[in-house]
Amino acid sequence: MRLLPSSPRGRKGVVIGLIVAVVLAASAYGLDLLVNARTFQFYGGLTHRVDVPDKVVALTFDDGPDPAGAVGLLDSLAAAGVPATFYLTGRELERNPDLGARIATAGHEVGNHSYSHGRMVFVSAETVATEIERTDALIRRTGYRGEITFRPPHGKKLLALPRYLADHRRRTIMWDVEPDSYPEVAASASGIVEHTVEHVRPGSIVLLHGMYQSRATTRQAVVPLVERLRGLGYRFVTVSELLARRP
């Protein structure tokens, strides 16, 4: 049974095809690494944690606001007595303006997570501007008056998004600890707590999702997580407060 054509021309064609396939696969892999990189982008400033000597940590919550989890999450944060940073989508802020206002009134930081929560990779500059500016306006309607930082939906970015943020002197905010992004960790509140405690460092930015009905374990983890980290000497700050501590 022949695996390659018998003629030299045929064999050469197969070899070229294999080389092209390898190059394309490598390019796709490299592109995926760039799109999802937590510590690199082509334009502007990116922060995934802040290198500080003191034990401070920023808890951040993505998506929403959604009635299924927002009230319980806010109650847990109030019981724990800590500020957090909420990266909200404009679409859900429009649907639930009262929840957005409650987040701001409670003293939490409100960040921009785009309007539609779509992957902002192969998109135009106009699309990026609309997604961000439309959401900025909705955030201001909540009563929040602080700095509005931005976190890319799904953590994905390439050219147009970082360029817009750089032109407007805004940083891309990523994270270095993400306990509920792993199904085996997010299966229990204790798993989320243990994973965070194991990986957190001074200046860490912790990514959590607690807005939706399916994220009950995240909400249950908030108070014990705060207690464990406080026991280790950590204090809690918002992302903007953490950025202000940069050397």
Protein backbone atom coordinates (compact mmCIF):
# COMPACT_ATOMS: atom_id res chain seq x y z
CA MET A 1 0.00 0.00 0.00
CA ARG A 2 1.55 3.30 -1.12
CA LEU A 3 1.52 6.18 1.40
CA LEU A 4 3.08 8.67 -1.03
CA PRO A 5 2.64 9.12 -4.81
CA SER A 6 5.18 7.24 -6.88
CA SER A 7 6.24 10.18 -9.05
CA PRO A 8 8.70 12.83 -7.80
CA ARG A 9 6.24 15.58 -8.69
CA GLY A 10 3.49 13.89 -6.72
CA ARG A 11 5.71 13.39 -3.68
CA LYS A 12 6.81 17.01 -3.84
CA GLY A 13 3.19 18.16 -3.87
CA VAL A 14 2.39 16.09 -0.80
CA VAL A 15 5.42 17.49 1.07
CA ILE A 16 4.46 21.06 0.17
CA GLY A 17 0.90 20.41 1.32
CA LEU A 18 2.16 19.07 4.64
CA ILE A 19 4.41 22.10 5.13
CA VAL A 20 1.55 24.48 4.39
CA ALA A 21 -0.69 22.60 6.84
CA VAL A 22 1.96 22.81 9.57
CA VAL A 23 2.55 26.53 8.96
CA LEU A 24 -1.17 27.28 9.04
CA ALA A 25 -1.62 25.28 12.24
CA ALA A 26 1.31 27.05 13.88
CA SER A 27 -0.05 30.44 12.78
CA ALA A 28 -3.49 29.66 14.16
CA TYR A 29 -1.95 28.53 17.45
CA GLY A 30 0.17 31.68 17.67
CA LEU A 31 -2.82 33.88 16.90
CA ASP A 32 -4.82 32.14 19.61
CA LEU A 33 -2.03 32.80 22.11
CA LEU A 34 -2.01 36.51 21.20
CA VAL A 35 -5.78 36.85 21.38
CA ASN A 36 -5.96 35.23 24.83
CA ALA A 37 -2.71 36.54 26.34
CA ARG A 38 -3.22 37.88 29.86
CA THR A 39 0.09 39.76 30.00
CA PHE A 40 0.64 41.09 26.44
CA GLN A 41 -1.09 43.16 23.78
CA PHE A 42 0.15 45.20 20.81
CA TYR A 43 -0.99 48.63 22.03
CA GLY A 44 -1.42 50.46 25.29
CA GLY A 45 -1.23 49.37 28.88
CA LEU A 46 -2.35 46.00 30.19
CA THR A 47 -2.56 44.95 33.84
CA HIS A 48 -3.13 41.40 35.07
CA ARG A 49 -1.76 42.11 38.57
CA VAL A 50 0.20 44.89 40.26
CA ASP A 51 3.59 44.17 41.78
CA VAL A 52 3.22 45.62 45.27
CA PRO A 53 4.90 44.72 48.56
CA ASP A 54 1.81 44.87 50.75
CA LYS A 55 -0.91 42.24 50.85
CA VAL A 56 -3.73 43.78 48.86
CA VAL A 57 -6.01 41.97 46.41
CA ALA A 58 -8.81 43.05 44.06
CA LEU A 59 -11.91 40.90 43.71
CA THR A 60 -13.59 41.38 40.33
CA PHE A 61 -16.90 40.05 39.03
CA ASP A 62 -17.68 39.77 35.33
CA ASP A 63 -21.00 39.98 33.45
CA GLY A 64 -24.46 41.07 34.44
CA PRO A 65 -26.03 42.68 36.30
CA ASP A 66 -28.53 39.84 36.45
CA PRO A 67 -31.31 39.63 39.05
CA ALA A 68 -30.68 35.90 39.53
CA GLY A 69 -27.45 36.52 41.40
CA ALA A 70 -26.79 40.23 41.82
CA VAL A 71 -28.73 40.70 45.06
CA GLY A 72 -27.21 37.65 46.75
CA LEU A 73 -23.74 38.63 45.61
CA LEU A 74 -24.11 42.18 46.90
CA ASP A 75 -25.44 40.86 50.20
CA SER A 76 -22.39 38.57 50.54
CA LEU A 77 -19.98 41.41 49.82
CA ALA A 78 -21.80 43.64 52.31
CA ALA A 79 -21.63 40.90 54.95
CA ALA A 80 -17.91 40.50 54.28
CA GLY A 81 -17.39 44.26 54.30
CA VAL A 82 -15.24 44.43 51.15
CA PRO A 83 -15.30 46.55 47.99
CA ALA A 84 -15.23 44.81 44.62
CA THR A 85 -15.00 45.77 40.97
CA PHE A 86 -17.89 44.77 38.71
CA TYR A 87 -17.27 44.50 34.97
CA LEU A 88 -20.78 44.92 33.62
CA THR A 89 -22.18 44.66 30.09
CA GLY A 90 -24.16 47.54 28.64
CA ARG A 91 -26.92 45.26 27.36
CA GLU A 92 -27.69 43.96 30.84
CA LEU A 93 -27.31 47.38 32.41
CA GLU A 94 -30.05 48.59 30.08
CA ARG A 95 -32.28 45.73 31.20
CA ASN A 96 -31.51 46.13 34.91
CA PRO A 97 -30.62 49.77 35.63
CA ASP A 98 -31.74 49.47 39.25
CA LEU A 99 -29.18 46.73 39.87
CA GLY A 100 -26.43 48.83 38.32
CA ALA A 101 -27.40 51.72 40.57
CA ARG A 102 -27.40 49.43 43.60
CA ILE A 103 -23.86 48.26 42.80
CA ALA A 104 -22.64 51.85 42.52
CA THR A 105 -24.51 53.00 45.64
CA ALA A 106 -22.95 50.16 47.64
CA GLY A 107 -19.54 51.71 46.94
CA HIS A 108 -18.25 49.17 44.44
CA GLU A 109 -16.28 50.09 41.34
CA VAL A 110 -18.09 49.70 38.02
CA GLY A 111 -16.04 48.69 34.99
CA ASN A 112 -16.85 48.33 31.30
CA HIS A 113 -17.20 44.82 29.86
CA SER A 114 -18.51 45.97 26.44
CA TYR A 115 -22.14 46.34 25.44
CA SER A 116 -22.92 42.98 23.84
CA HIS A 117 -20.20 40.75 25.38
CA GLY A 118 -19.09 39.62 21.93
CA ARG A 119 -15.52 38.59 21.14
CA MET A 120 -13.85 41.86 20.15
CA VAL A 121 -11.10 40.43 17.97
CA PHE A 122 -11.79 40.75 14.24
CA VAL A 123 -13.93 43.85 14.58
CA SER A 124 -13.74 47.40 13.21
CA ALA A 125 -12.61 50.46 15.14
CA GLU A 126 -16.17 51.79 14.84
CA THR A 127 -17.58 48.65 16.48
CA VAL A 128 -15.11 48.93 19.35
CA ALA A 129 -15.95 52.60 19.91
CA THR A 130 -19.69 51.91 19.92
CA GLU A 131 -19.38 48.95 22.31
CA ILE A 132 -17.30 50.90 24.80
CA GLU A 133 -18.86 54.36 24.63
CA ARG A 134 -22.43 53.08 24.75
CA THR A 135 -21.60 51.14 27.91
CA ASP A 136 -19.70 54.05 29.45
CA ALA A 137 -22.86 56.16 29.16
CA LEU A 138 -24.95 53.47 30.84
CA ILE A 139 -22.39 53.14 33.65
CA ARG A 140 -22.59 56.88 34.32
CA ARG A 141 -26.38 56.57 34.62
CA THR A 142 -25.88 54.26 37.62
CA GLY A 143 -24.42 57.19 39.52
CA TYR A 144 -20.87 55.84 39.45
CA ARG A 145 -18.38 58.69 39.06
CA GLY A 146 -15.01 56.98 39.37
CA GLU A 147 -12.57 55.81 36.73
CA ILE A 148 -14.08 53.33 34.25
CA THR A 149 -11.58 50.59 33.50
CA PHE A 150 -12.18 48.05 30.74
CA ARG A 151 -12.03 44.27 30.64
CA PRO A 152 -12.31 42.49 27.26
CA PRO A 153 -15.20 40.05 26.91
CA HIS A 154 -13.86 36.51 27.29
CA GLY A 155 -10.44 38.12 27.84
CA LYS A 156 -9.91 38.32 24.06
CA LYS A 157 -8.27 41.22 22.23
CA LEU A 158 -6.02 41.74 19.21
CA LEU A 159 -5.66 45.07 17.38
CA ALA A 160 -8.69 47.38 17.21
CA LEU A 161 -9.64 47.09 20.89
CA PRO A 162 -6.19 47.73 22.42
CA ARG A 163 -5.63 50.56 19.92
CA TYR A 164 -8.85 52.29 20.96
CA LEU A 165 -8.00 51.94 24.66
CA ALA A 166 -4.46 53.21 24.10
CA ASP A 167 -5.74 56.24 22.13
CA HIS A 168 -8.08 57.07 25.04
CA ARG A 169 -5.46 56.42 27.73
CA ARG A 170 -7.32 53.51 29.25
CA ARG A 171 -5.81 50.27 30.47
CA THR A 172 -6.85 46.76 29.61
CA ILE A 173 -7.60 44.91 32.85
CA MET A 174 -7.03 41.16 32.90
CA TRP A 175 -6.42 38.88 35.92
CA ASP A 176 -3.95 36.39 37.37
CA VAL A 177 -6.31 34.19 39.44
CA GLU A 178 -9.51 32.67 37.99
CA PRO A 179 -10.92 29.95 40.28
CA ASP A 180 -14.38 29.57 38.80
CA SER A 181 -13.08 29.25 35.24
CA TYR A 182 -12.22 25.59 35.92
CA PRO A 183 -15.24 23.27 36.21
CA GLU A 184 -13.53 20.97 38.69
CA VAL A 185 -12.70 23.96 40.93
CA ALA A 186 -16.03 25.76 40.51
CA ALA A 187 -17.97 22.63 41.46
CA SER A 188 -17.85 23.69 45.13
CA ALA A 189 -17.42 26.84 47.17
CA SER A 190 -14.55 25.21 49.04
CA GLY A 191 -12.81 24.47 45.75
CA ILE A 192 -13.01 28.12 44.74
CA VAL A 193 -11.66 29.22 48.11
CA GLU A 194 -8.76 26.76 48.15
CA HIS A 195 -7.73 27.52 44.56
CA THR A 196 -7.72 31.26 45.21
CA VAL A 197 -5.78 30.99 48.46
CA GLU A 198 -3.21 28.78 46.74
CA HIS A 199 -2.63 31.11 43.78
CA VAL A 200 -3.17 34.62 45.14
CA ARG A 201 -0.20 36.97 45.62
CA PRO A 202 0.14 40.59 46.76
CA GLY A 203 -1.43 42.72 44.03
CA SER A 204 -3.48 39.89 42.50
CA ILE A 205 -6.62 40.51 40.47
CA VAL A 206 -9.11 37.69 41.02
CA LEU A 207 -11.66 36.95 38.29
CA LEU A 208 -15.02 35.63 39.51
CA HIS A 209 -18.50 35.19 38.02
CA GLY A 210 -21.38 35.40 40.46
CA MET A 211 -24.27 37.08 38.68
CA TYR A 212 -26.11 34.17 37.14
CA GLN A 213 -28.24 31.44 38.65
CA SER A 214 -25.69 28.79 37.70
CA ARG A 215 -22.97 30.54 39.74
CA ALA A 216 -24.36 29.82 43.20
CA THR A 217 -21.10 28.22 44.35
CA THR A 218 -19.23 31.44 43.56
CA ARG A 219 -21.64 33.46 45.68
CA GLN A 220 -21.32 30.92 48.50
CA ALA A 221 -17.53 31.22 48.32
CA VAL A 222 -17.33 34.99 48.79
CA VAL A 223 -17.57 35.24 52.59
CA PRO A 224 -15.30 32.24 53.41
CA LEU A 225 -12.82 33.43 50.78
CA VAL A 226 -12.64 36.87 52.35
CA GLU A 227 -12.22 35.34 55.79
CA ARG A 228 -9.38 33.07 54.63
CA LEU A 229 -7.52 35.85 52.88
CA ARG A 230 -7.96 38.22 55.80
CA GLY A 231 -6.55 35.52 58.03
CA LEU A 232 -3.47 35.58 55.80
CA GLY A 233 -3.15 39.35 56.19
CA TYR A 234 -4.78 40.48 52.93
CA ARG A 235 -6.81 43.67 52.49
CA PHE A 236 -9.29 44.27 49.68
CA VAL A 237 -9.21 47.13 47.19
CA THR A 238 -10.86 48.00 43.90
CA VAL A 239 -8.98 47.75 40.61
CA SER A 240 -8.51 51.53 40.42
CA GLU A 241 -7.12 51.57 43.94
CA LEU A 242 -4.78 48.76 43.01
CA LEU A 243 -3.62 50.60 39.88
CA ALA A 244 -2.86 53.67 42.00
CA ARG A 245 -0.34 51.58 43.93
CA ARG A 246 1.75 50.82 40.85
CA PRO A 247 5.41 51.72 41.34
